[in-house]
Structures are given as structure tokens and as C-alpha cells.
Amino acid sequence: EGNEPGDSTKITYRELLHKVSQFANVLRSQGVKKGDRVSIYLPMILELVIAMLACARIGALHSVVFAGFSADSLCERILDCGCSLLIT
């Protein structure tokens, strides 16, 4: 369920696995590997869950930054965790 009432998406486990595997391959192609840190800057949408699970699938650490934060706050969090990639 998303932020807005009535805003929801249904997905099967098979569809979720397929999307997570696809995105994990995208992360690998960008050079992300086990132990790397990734920041995720997305609203409450299905892609947020997919990105989190894809990071877990390849062993990358992820930090979710609330999408309402300012650019300066986002920058501070990226620098603090030393992330190698920002997903937005």
C-alpha cells in the first residue's frame, strides 16, 4: 500500500522474484557487489521494495532515505554512510 488511501498494487511472489532478480542484475552491472553501501531515495512505491530486496539478494547494504528530505539532508546521509550508488 502506498501513501494515499486506496493506492495499492498486487503482485505475485513469482513476479516479485523476477523483478528483484532483474534489478539485482542491474546493480551488478553498475559495479555494486557484496558489502557495498547503497542509498535508496524513493517514495512508498513497489520499486522501493524491489530495490531493497535486490540489495539484500546481492549482499549490498542499503539505507532508505525518506523521499521528503531536502537535497542537503540527502547529501549528508550519502556522505555519512559512504554509499557507492543512489537509487532514485
PDB file of N, CA and C in Angstrom:
ATOM      1  N   GLU A   1       0.837  -1.180   0.000  1.00  0.00           N
ATOM      2  CA  GLU A   1       0.000   0.000   0.000  1.00  0.00           C
ATOM      3  C   GLU A   1       0.878   1.237   0.000  1.00  0.00           C
ATOM      4  N   GLY A   2       0.462   2.242  -0.739  1.00  0.00           N
ATOM      5  CA  GLY A   2       1.215   3.481  -0.842  1.00  0.00           C
ATOM      6  C   GLY A   2       0.789   4.501   0.202  1.00  0.00           C
ATOM      7  N   ASN A   3       1.195   5.731   0.009  1.00  0.00           N
ATOM      8  CA  ASN A   3       0.894   6.793   0.956  1.00  0.00           C
ATOM      9  C   ASN A   3      -0.564   7.235   0.899  1.00  0.00           C
ATOM     10  N   GLU A   4      -1.136   7.235  -0.291  1.00  0.00           N
ATOM     11  CA  GLU A   4      -2.515   7.692  -0.476  1.00  0.00           C
ATOM     12  C   GLU A   4      -3.495   6.559  -0.176  1.00  0.00           C
ATOM     13  N   PRO A   5      -4.623   6.886   0.479  1.00  0.00           N
ATOM     14  CA  PRO A   5      -5.643   5.846   0.705  1.00  0.00           C
ATOM     15  C   PRO A   5      -6.137   5.283  -0.626  1.00  0.00           C
ATOM     16  N   GLY A   6      -6.257   3.990  -0.701  1.00  0.00           N
ATOM     17  CA  GLY A   6      -6.712   3.352  -1.928  1.00  0.00           C
ATOM     18  C   GLY A   6      -5.619   3.143  -2.958  1.00  0.00           C
ATOM     19  N   ASP A   7      -4.406   3.592  -2.672  1.00  0.00           N
ATOM     20  CA  ASP A   7      -3.272   3.439  -3.579  1.00  0.00           C
ATOM     21  C   ASP A   7      -2.563   2.132  -3.237  1.00  0.00           C
ATOM     22  N   SER A   8      -2.825   1.086  -4.030  1.00  0.00           N
ATOM     23  CA  SER A   8      -2.218  -0.209  -3.737  1.00  0.00           C
ATOM     24  C   SER A   8      -1.892  -0.943  -5.035  1.00  0.00           C
ATOM     25  N   THR A   9      -1.013  -1.928  -4.917  1.00  0.00           N
ATOM     26  CA  THR A   9      -0.610  -2.760  -6.049  1.00  0.00           C
ATOM     27  C   THR A   9      -0.572  -4.201  -5.576  1.00  0.00           C
ATOM     28  N   LYS A  10      -1.003  -5.102  -6.427  1.00  0.00           N
ATOM     29  CA  LYS A  10      -0.929  -6.528  -6.116  1.00  0.00           C
ATOM     30  C   LYS A  10       0.109  -7.153  -7.027  1.00  0.00           C
ATOM     31  N   ILE A  11       0.925  -8.039  -6.447  1.00  0.00           N
ATOM     32  CA  ILE A  11       1.980  -8.701  -7.203  1.00  0.00           C
ATOM     33  C   ILE A  11       2.156 -10.100  -6.626  1.00  0.00           C
ATOM     34  N   THR A  12       2.426 -11.070  -7.483  1.00  0.00           N
ATOM     35  CA  THR A  12       2.637 -12.432  -7.003  1.00  0.00           C
ATOM     36  C   THR A  12       4.098 -12.583  -6.561  1.00  0.00           C
ATOM     37  N   TYR A  13       4.359 -13.641  -5.814  1.00  0.00           N
ATOM     38  CA  TYR A  13       5.734 -13.914  -5.404  1.00  0.00           C
ATOM     39  C   TYR A  13       6.622 -14.142  -6.623  1.00  0.00           C
ATOM     40  N   ARG A  14       6.090 -14.813  -7.635  1.00  0.00           N
ATOM     41  CA  ARG A  14       6.864 -15.084  -8.850  1.00  0.00           C
ATOM     42  C   ARG A  14       7.233 -13.777  -9.560  1.00  0.00           C
ATOM     43  N   GLU A  15       6.262 -12.859  -9.683  1.00  0.00           N
ATOM     44  CA  GLU A  15       6.525 -11.563 -10.324  1.00  0.00           C
ATOM     45  C   GLU A  15       7.553 -10.767  -9.517  1.00  0.00           C
ATOM     46  N   LEU A  16       7.407 -10.812  -8.186  1.00  0.00           N
ATOM     47  CA  LEU A  16       8.351 -10.093  -7.330  1.00  0.00           C
ATOM     48  C   LEU A  16       9.759 -10.656  -7.480  1.00  0.00           C
ATOM     49  N   LEU A  17       9.884 -11.969  -7.465  1.00  0.00           N
ATOM     50  CA  LEU A  17      11.196 -12.594  -7.638  1.00  0.00           C
ATOM     51  C   LEU A  17      11.815 -12.197  -8.970  1.00  0.00           C
ATOM     52  N   HIS A  18      11.026 -12.184 -10.026  1.00  0.00           N
ATOM     53  CA  HIS A  18      11.524 -11.814 -11.346  1.00  0.00           C
ATOM     54  C   HIS A  18      12.036 -10.371 -11.351  1.00  0.00           C
ATOM     55  N   LYS A  19      11.251  -9.448 -10.784  1.00  0.00           N
ATOM     56  CA  LYS A  19      11.646  -8.037 -10.760  1.00  0.00           C
ATOM     57  C   LYS A  19      12.873  -7.814  -9.883  1.00  0.00           C
ATOM     58  N   VAL A  20      12.935  -8.502  -8.737  1.00  0.00           N
ATOM     59  CA  VAL A  20      14.085  -8.371  -7.835  1.00  0.00           C
ATOM     60  C   VAL A  20      15.344  -8.912  -8.515  1.00  0.00           C
ATOM     61  N   SER A  21      15.230 -10.043  -9.184  1.00  0.00           N
ATOM     62  CA  SER A  21      16.382 -10.626  -9.892  1.00  0.00           C
ATOM     63  C   SER A  21      16.861  -9.710 -11.008  1.00  0.00           C
ATOM     64  N   GLN A  22      15.920  -9.135 -11.752  1.00  0.00           N
ATOM     65  CA  GLN A  22      16.285  -8.193 -12.812  1.00  0.00           C
ATOM     66  C   GLN A  22      17.045  -7.001 -12.237  1.00  0.00           C
ATOM     67  N   PHE A  23      16.522  -6.430 -11.151  1.00  0.00           N
ATOM     68  CA  PHE A  23      17.166  -5.248 -10.588  1.00  0.00           C
ATOM     69  C   PHE A  23      18.499  -5.590  -9.932  1.00  0.00           C
ATOM     70  N   ALA A  24      18.607  -6.779  -9.367  1.00  0.00           N
ATOM     71  CA  ALA A  24      19.896  -7.215  -8.811  1.00  0.00           C
ATOM     72  C   ALA A  24      20.935  -7.282  -9.923  1.00  0.00           C
ATOM     73  N   ASN A  25      20.531  -7.734 -11.097  1.00  0.00           N
ATOM     74  CA  ASN A  25      21.446  -7.774 -12.240  1.00  0.00           C
ATOM     75  C   ASN A  25      21.832  -6.365 -12.687  1.00  0.00           C
ATOM     76  N   VAL A  26      20.896  -5.429 -12.621  1.00  0.00           N
ATOM     77  CA  VAL A  26      21.213  -4.032 -12.941  1.00  0.00           C
ATOM     78  C   VAL A  26      22.245  -3.494 -11.951  1.00  0.00           C
ATOM     79  N   LEU A  27      22.047  -3.778 -10.678  1.00  0.00           N
ATOM     80  CA  LEU A  27      23.007  -3.311  -9.664  1.00  0.00           C
ATOM     81  C   LEU A  27      24.387  -3.911  -9.919  1.00  0.00           C
ATOM     82  N   ARG A  28      24.433  -5.204 -10.224  1.00  0.00           N
ATOM     83  CA  ARG A  28      25.722  -5.846 -10.519  1.00  0.00           C
ATOM     84  C   ARG A  28      26.388  -5.210 -11.735  1.00  0.00           C
ATOM     85  N   SER A  29      25.594  -4.875 -12.745  1.00  0.00           N
ATOM     86  CA  SER A  29      26.165  -4.263 -13.948  1.00  0.00           C
ATOM     87  C   SER A  29      26.704  -2.866 -13.670  1.00  0.00           C
ATOM     88  N   GLN A  30      26.209  -2.235 -12.599  1.00  0.00           N
ATOM     89  CA  GLN A  30      26.712  -0.923 -12.186  1.00  0.00           C
ATOM     90  C   GLN A  30      27.910  -1.049 -11.241  1.00  0.00           C
ATOM     91  N   GLY A  31      28.347  -2.268 -10.977  1.00  0.00           N
ATOM     92  CA  GLY A  31      29.533  -2.496 -10.163  1.00  0.00           C
ATOM     93  C   GLY A  31      29.258  -2.680  -8.684  1.00  0.00           C
ATOM     94  N   VAL A  32      28.000  -2.783  -8.293  1.00  0.00           N
ATOM     95  CA  VAL A  32      27.668  -2.988  -6.880  1.00  0.00           C
ATOM     96  C   VAL A  32      27.929  -4.453  -6.535  1.00  0.00           C
ATOM     97  N   LYS A  33      28.620  -4.672  -5.429  1.00  0.00           N
ATOM     98  CA  LYS A  33      28.934  -6.038  -5.015  1.00  0.00           C
ATOM     99  C   LYS A  33      28.682  -6.196  -3.520  1.00  0.00           C
ATOM    100  N   LYS A  34      28.865  -7.391  -3.019  1.00  0.00           N
ATOM    101  CA  LYS A  34      28.627  -7.704  -1.614  1.00  0.00           C
ATOM    102  C   LYS A  34      29.420  -6.754  -0.722  1.00  0.00           C
ATOM    103  N   GLY A  35      28.750  -6.188   0.265  1.00  0.00           N
ATOM    104  CA  GLY A  35      29.400  -5.283   1.215  1.00  0.00           C
ATOM    105  C   GLY A  35      29.342  -3.814   0.823  1.00  0.00           C
ATOM    106  N   ASP A  36      29.008  -3.509  -0.441  1.00  0.00           N
ATOM    107  CA  ASP A  36      28.868  -2.107  -0.856  1.00  0.00           C
ATOM    108  C   ASP A  36      27.637  -1.502  -0.198  1.00  0.00           C
ATOM    109  N   ARG A  37      27.652  -0.181  -0.086  1.00  0.00           N
ATOM    110  CA  ARG A  37      26.531   0.531   0.514  1.00  0.00           C
ATOM    111  C   ARG A  37      25.780   1.294  -0.572  1.00  0.00           C
ATOM    112  N   VAL A  38      24.453   1.188  -0.507  1.00  0.00           N
ATOM    113  CA  VAL A  38      23.577   1.808  -1.498  1.00  0.00           C
ATOM    114  C   VAL A  38      22.523   2.626  -0.761  1.00  0.00           C
ATOM    115  N   SER A  39      22.292   3.853  -1.208  1.00  0.00           N
ATOM    116  CA  SER A  39      21.207   4.670  -0.657  1.00  0.00           C
ATOM    117  C   SER A  39      20.010   4.591  -1.595  1.00  0.00           C
ATOM    118  N   ILE A  40      18.829   4.521  -1.001  1.00  0.00           N
ATOM    119  CA  ILE A  40      17.588   4.453  -1.775  1.00  0.00           C
ATOM    120  C   ILE A  40      16.744   5.660  -1.400  1.00  0.00           C
ATOM    121  N   TYR A  41      16.426   6.490  -2.390  1.00  0.00           N
ATOM    122  CA  TYR A  41      15.671   7.730  -2.193  1.00  0.00           C
ATOM    123  C   TYR A  41      14.408   7.648  -3.041  1.00  0.00           C
ATOM    124  N   LEU A  42      13.380   6.960  -2.513  1.00  0.00           N
ATOM    125  CA  LEU A  42      12.144   6.722  -3.250  1.00  0.00           C
ATOM    126  C   LEU A  42      10.940   6.904  -2.324  1.00  0.00           C
ATOM    127  N   PRO A  43       9.791   7.253  -2.894  1.00  0.00           N
ATOM    128  CA  PRO A  43       8.561   7.271  -2.090  1.00  0.00           C
ATOM    129  C   PRO A  43       8.082   5.840  -1.842  1.00  0.00           C
ATOM    130  N   MET A  44       6.966   5.685  -1.160  1.00  0.00           N
ATOM    131  CA  MET A  44       6.410   4.366  -0.854  1.00  0.00           C
ATOM    132  C   MET A  44       5.759   3.772  -2.098  1.00  0.00           C
ATOM    133  N   ILE A  45       6.603   3.197  -2.964  1.00  0.00           N
ATOM    134  CA  ILE A  45       6.131   2.546  -4.182  1.00  0.00           C
ATOM    135  C   ILE A  45       6.749   1.161  -4.251  1.00  0.00           C
ATOM    136  N   LEU A  46       6.234   0.343  -5.142  1.00  0.00           N
ATOM    137  CA  LEU A  46       6.716  -1.032  -5.277  1.00  0.00           C
ATOM    138  C   LEU A  46       8.209  -1.087  -5.579  1.00  0.00           C
ATOM    139  N   GLU A  47       8.713  -0.129  -6.342  1.00  0.00           N
ATOM    140  CA  GLU A  47      10.127  -0.118  -6.712  1.00  0.00           C
ATOM    141  C   GLU A  47      11.045   0.028  -5.489  1.00  0.00           C
ATOM    142  N   LEU A  48      10.553   0.647  -4.424  1.00  0.00           N
ATOM    143  CA  LEU A  48      11.335   0.751  -3.186  1.00  0.00           C
ATOM    144  C   LEU A  48      11.589  -0.639  -2.618  1.00  0.00           C
ATOM    145  N   VAL A  49      10.549  -1.441  -2.540  1.00  0.00           N
ATOM    146  CA  VAL A  49      10.675  -2.805  -2.020  1.00  0.00           C
ATOM    147  C   VAL A  49      11.580  -3.633  -2.920  1.00  0.00           C
ATOM    148  N   ILE A  50      11.408  -3.493  -4.216  1.00  0.00           N
ATOM    149  CA  ILE A  50      12.239  -4.238  -5.173  1.00  0.00           C
ATOM    150  C   ILE A  50      13.709  -3.860  -5.008  1.00  0.00           C
ATOM    151  N   ALA A  51      14.000  -2.571  -4.861  1.00  0.00           N
ATOM    152  CA  ALA A  51      15.385  -2.124  -4.689  1.00  0.00           C
ATOM    153  C   ALA A  51      15.988  -2.668  -3.394  1.00  0.00           C
ATOM    154  N   MET A  52      15.204  -2.642  -2.306  1.00  0.00           N
ATOM    155  CA  MET A  52      15.700  -3.163  -1.031  1.00  0.00           C
ATOM    156  C   MET A  52      16.013  -4.649  -1.125  1.00  0.00           C
ATOM    157  N   LEU A  53      15.097  -5.405  -1.706  1.00  0.00           N
ATOM    158  CA  LEU A  53      15.304  -6.850  -1.834  1.00  0.00           C
ATOM    159  C   LEU A  53      16.440  -7.184  -2.789  1.00  0.00           C
ATOM    160  N   ALA A  54      16.612  -6.386  -3.837  1.00  0.00           N
ATOM    161  CA  ALA A  54      17.715  -6.620  -4.776  1.00  0.00           C
ATOM    162  C   ALA A  54      19.058  -6.390  -4.081  1.00  0.00           C
ATOM    163  N   CYS A  55      19.129  -5.361  -3.254  1.00  0.00           N
ATOM    164  CA  CYS A  55      20.362  -5.121  -2.491  1.00  0.00           C
ATOM    165  C   CYS A  55      20.650  -6.303  -1.570  1.00  0.00           C
ATOM    166  N   ALA A  56      19.628  -6.770  -0.874  1.00  0.00           N
ATOM    167  CA  ALA A  56      19.800  -7.917   0.023  1.00  0.00           C
ATOM    168  C   ALA A  56      20.213  -9.160  -0.759  1.00  0.00           C
ATOM    169  N   ARG A  57      19.678  -9.318  -1.946  1.00  0.00           N
ATOM    170  CA  ARG A  57      19.973 -10.502  -2.772  1.00  0.00           C
ATOM    171  C   ARG A  57      21.444 -10.581  -3.146  1.00  0.00           C
ATOM    172  N   ILE A  58      22.084  -9.428  -3.402  1.00  0.00           N
ATOM    173  CA  ILE A  58      23.499  -9.460  -3.780  1.00  0.00           C
ATOM    174  C   ILE A  58      24.427  -9.181  -2.598  1.00  0.00           C
ATOM    175  N   GLY A  59      23.852  -8.930  -1.423  1.00  0.00           N
ATOM    176  CA  GLY A  59      24.664  -8.722  -0.225  1.00  0.00           C
ATOM    177  C   GLY A  59      25.120  -7.291  -0.020  1.00  0.00           C
ATOM    178  N   ALA A  60      24.481  -6.355  -0.714  1.00  0.00           N
ATOM    179  CA  ALA A  60      24.818  -4.940  -0.522  1.00  0.00           C
ATOM    180  C   ALA A  60      23.984  -4.377   0.628  1.00  0.00           C
ATOM    181  N   LEU A  61      24.575  -3.491   1.390  1.00  0.00           N
ATOM    182  CA  LEU A  61      23.852  -2.833   2.473  1.00  0.00           C
ATOM    183  C   LEU A  61      23.056  -1.675   1.894  1.00  0.00           C
ATOM    184  N   HIS A  62      21.833  -1.482   2.371  1.00  0.00           N
ATOM    185  CA  HIS A  62      21.038  -0.379   1.847  1.00  0.00           C
ATOM    186  C   HIS A  62      20.574   0.541   2.969  1.00  0.00           C
ATOM    187  N   SER A  63      20.437   1.799   2.625  1.00  0.00           N
ATOM    188  CA  SER A  63      19.936   2.816   3.551  1.00  0.00           C
ATOM    189  C   SER A  63      18.797   3.541   2.849  1.00  0.00           C
ATOM    190  N   VAL A  64      17.596   3.449   3.414  1.00  0.00           N
ATOM    191  CA  VAL A  64      16.443   4.102   2.825  1.00  0.00           C
ATOM    192  C   VAL A  64      16.332   5.513   3.386  1.00  0.00           C
ATOM    193  N   VAL A  65      16.287   6.495   2.492  1.00  0.00           N
ATOM    194  CA  VAL A  65      16.147   7.893   2.881  1.00  0.00           C
ATOM    195  C   VAL A  65      14.745   8.331   2.480  1.00  0.00           C
ATOM    196  N   PHE A  66      13.981   8.841   3.429  1.00  0.00           N
ATOM    197  CA  PHE A  66      12.622   9.284   3.175  1.00  0.00           C
ATOM    198  C   PHE A  66      12.601  10.287   2.027  1.00  0.00           C
ATOM    199  N   ALA A  67      11.692  10.100   1.077  1.00  0.00           N
ATOM    200  CA  ALA A  67      11.660  10.899  -0.149  1.00  0.00           C
ATOM    201  C   ALA A  67      11.330  12.376   0.099  1.00  0.00           C
ATOM    202  N   GLY A  68      10.884  12.727   1.290  1.00  0.00           N
ATOM    203  CA  GLY A  68      10.562  14.121   1.578  1.00  0.00           C
ATOM    204  C   GLY A  68      11.758  14.929   2.063  1.00  0.00           C
ATOM    205  N   PHE A  69      12.922  14.318   2.233  1.00  0.00           N
ATOM    206  CA  PHE A  69      14.098  15.033   2.722  1.00  0.00           C
ATOM    207  C   PHE A  69      14.633  15.978   1.653  1.00  0.00           C
ATOM    208  N   SER A  70      15.275  17.028   2.095  1.00  0.00           N
ATOM    209  CA  SER A  70      15.860  18.006   1.175  1.00  0.00           C
ATOM    210  C   SER A  70      17.133  17.440   0.546  1.00  0.00           C
ATOM    211  N   ALA A  71      17.623  18.126  -0.475  1.00  0.00           N
ATOM    212  CA  ALA A  71      18.849  17.702  -1.157  1.00  0.00           C
ATOM    213  C   ALA A  71      20.038  17.719  -0.194  1.00  0.00           C
ATOM    214  N   ASP A  72      20.095  18.718   0.690  1.00  0.00           N
ATOM    215  CA  ASP A  72      21.199  18.795   1.653  1.00  0.00           C
ATOM    216  C   ASP A  72      21.159  17.625   2.635  1.00  0.00           C
ATOM    217  N   SER A  73      19.968  17.284   3.122  1.00  0.00           N
ATOM    218  CA  SER A  73      19.838  16.152   4.043  1.00  0.00           C
ATOM    219  C   SER A  73      20.222  14.845   3.359  1.00  0.00           C
ATOM    220  N   LEU A  74      19.801  14.709   2.120  1.00  0.00           N
ATOM    221  CA  LEU A  74      20.164  13.511   1.361  1.00  0.00           C
ATOM    222  C   LEU A  74      21.673  13.421   1.191  1.00  0.00           C
ATOM    223  N   CYS A  75      22.296  14.532   0.849  1.00  0.00           N
ATOM    224  CA  CYS A  75      23.751  14.582   0.658  1.00  0.00           C
ATOM    225  C   CYS A  75      24.483  14.169   1.932  1.00  0.00           C
ATOM    226  N   GLU A  76      24.023  14.668   3.079  1.00  0.00           N
ATOM    227  CA  GLU A  76      24.656  14.314   4.354  1.00  0.00           C
ATOM    228  C   GLU A  76      24.580  12.812   4.613  1.00  0.00           C
ATOM    229  N   ARG A  77      23.442  12.235   4.352  1.00  0.00           N
ATOM    230  CA  ARG A  77      23.270  10.799   4.585  1.00  0.00           C
ATOM    231  C   ARG A  77      24.127   9.966   3.636  1.00  0.00           C
ATOM    232  N   ILE A  78      24.235  10.408   2.397  1.00  0.00           N
ATOM    233  CA  ILE A  78      25.073   9.698   1.427  1.00  0.00           C
ATOM    234  C   ILE A  78      26.533   9.734   1.865  1.00  0.00           C
ATOM    235  N   LEU A  79      26.992  10.900   2.280  1.00  0.00           N
ATOM    236  CA  LEU A  79      28.384  11.034   2.715  1.00  0.00           C
ATOM    237  C   LEU A  79      28.643  10.270   4.007  1.00  0.00           C
ATOM    238  N   ASP A  80      27.682  10.302   4.940  1.00  0.00           N
ATOM    239  CA  ASP A  80      27.853   9.613   6.224  1.00  0.00           C
ATOM    240  C   ASP A  80      27.994   8.108   6.052  1.00  0.00           C
ATOM    241  N   CYS A  81      27.215   7.525   5.154  1.00  0.00           N
ATOM    242  CA  CYS A  81      27.279   6.064   5.001  1.00  0.00           C
ATOM    243  C   CYS A  81      28.295   5.636   3.951  1.00  0.00           C
ATOM    244  N   GLY A  82      28.819   6.588   3.189  1.00  0.00           N
ATOM    245  CA  GLY A  82      29.819   6.253   2.166  1.00  0.00           C
ATOM    246  C   GLY A  82      29.258   5.370   1.073  1.00  0.00           C
ATOM    247  N   CYS A  83      28.062   5.677   0.637  1.00  0.00           N
ATOM    248  CA  CYS A  83      27.422   4.804  -0.359  1.00  0.00           C
ATOM    249  C   CYS A  83      28.066   4.973  -1.732  1.00  0.00           C
ATOM    250  N   SER A  84      27.989   3.887  -2.493  1.00  0.00           N
ATOM    251  CA  SER A  84      28.580   3.892  -3.843  1.00  0.00           C
ATOM    252  C   SER A  84      27.543   4.132  -4.929  1.00  0.00           C
ATOM    253  N   LEU A  85      26.249   4.099  -4.576  1.00  0.00           N
ATOM    254  CA  LEU A  85      25.195   4.266  -5.553  1.00  0.00           C
ATOM    255  C   LEU A  85      23.957   4.838  -4.876  1.00  0.00           C
ATOM    256  N   LEU A  86      23.268   5.705  -5.600  1.00  0.00           N
ATOM    257  CA  LEU A  86      21.990   6.263  -5.130  1.00  0.00           C
ATOM    258  C   LEU A  86      20.894   5.801  -6.085  1.00  0.00           C
ATOM    259  N   ILE A  87      19.888   5.170  -5.544  1.00  0.00           N
ATOM    260  CA  ILE A  87      18.736   4.747  -6.348  1.00  0.00           C
ATOM    261  C   ILE A  87      17.626   5.757  -6.106  1.00  0.00           C
ATOM    262  N   THR A  88      17.142   6.369  -7.174  1.00  0.00           N
ATOM    263  CA  THR A  88      16.080   7.364  -7.041  1.00  0.00           C
ATOM    264  C   THR A  88      15.101   7.256  -8.186  1.00  0.00           C
TER     265      THR A  88
END
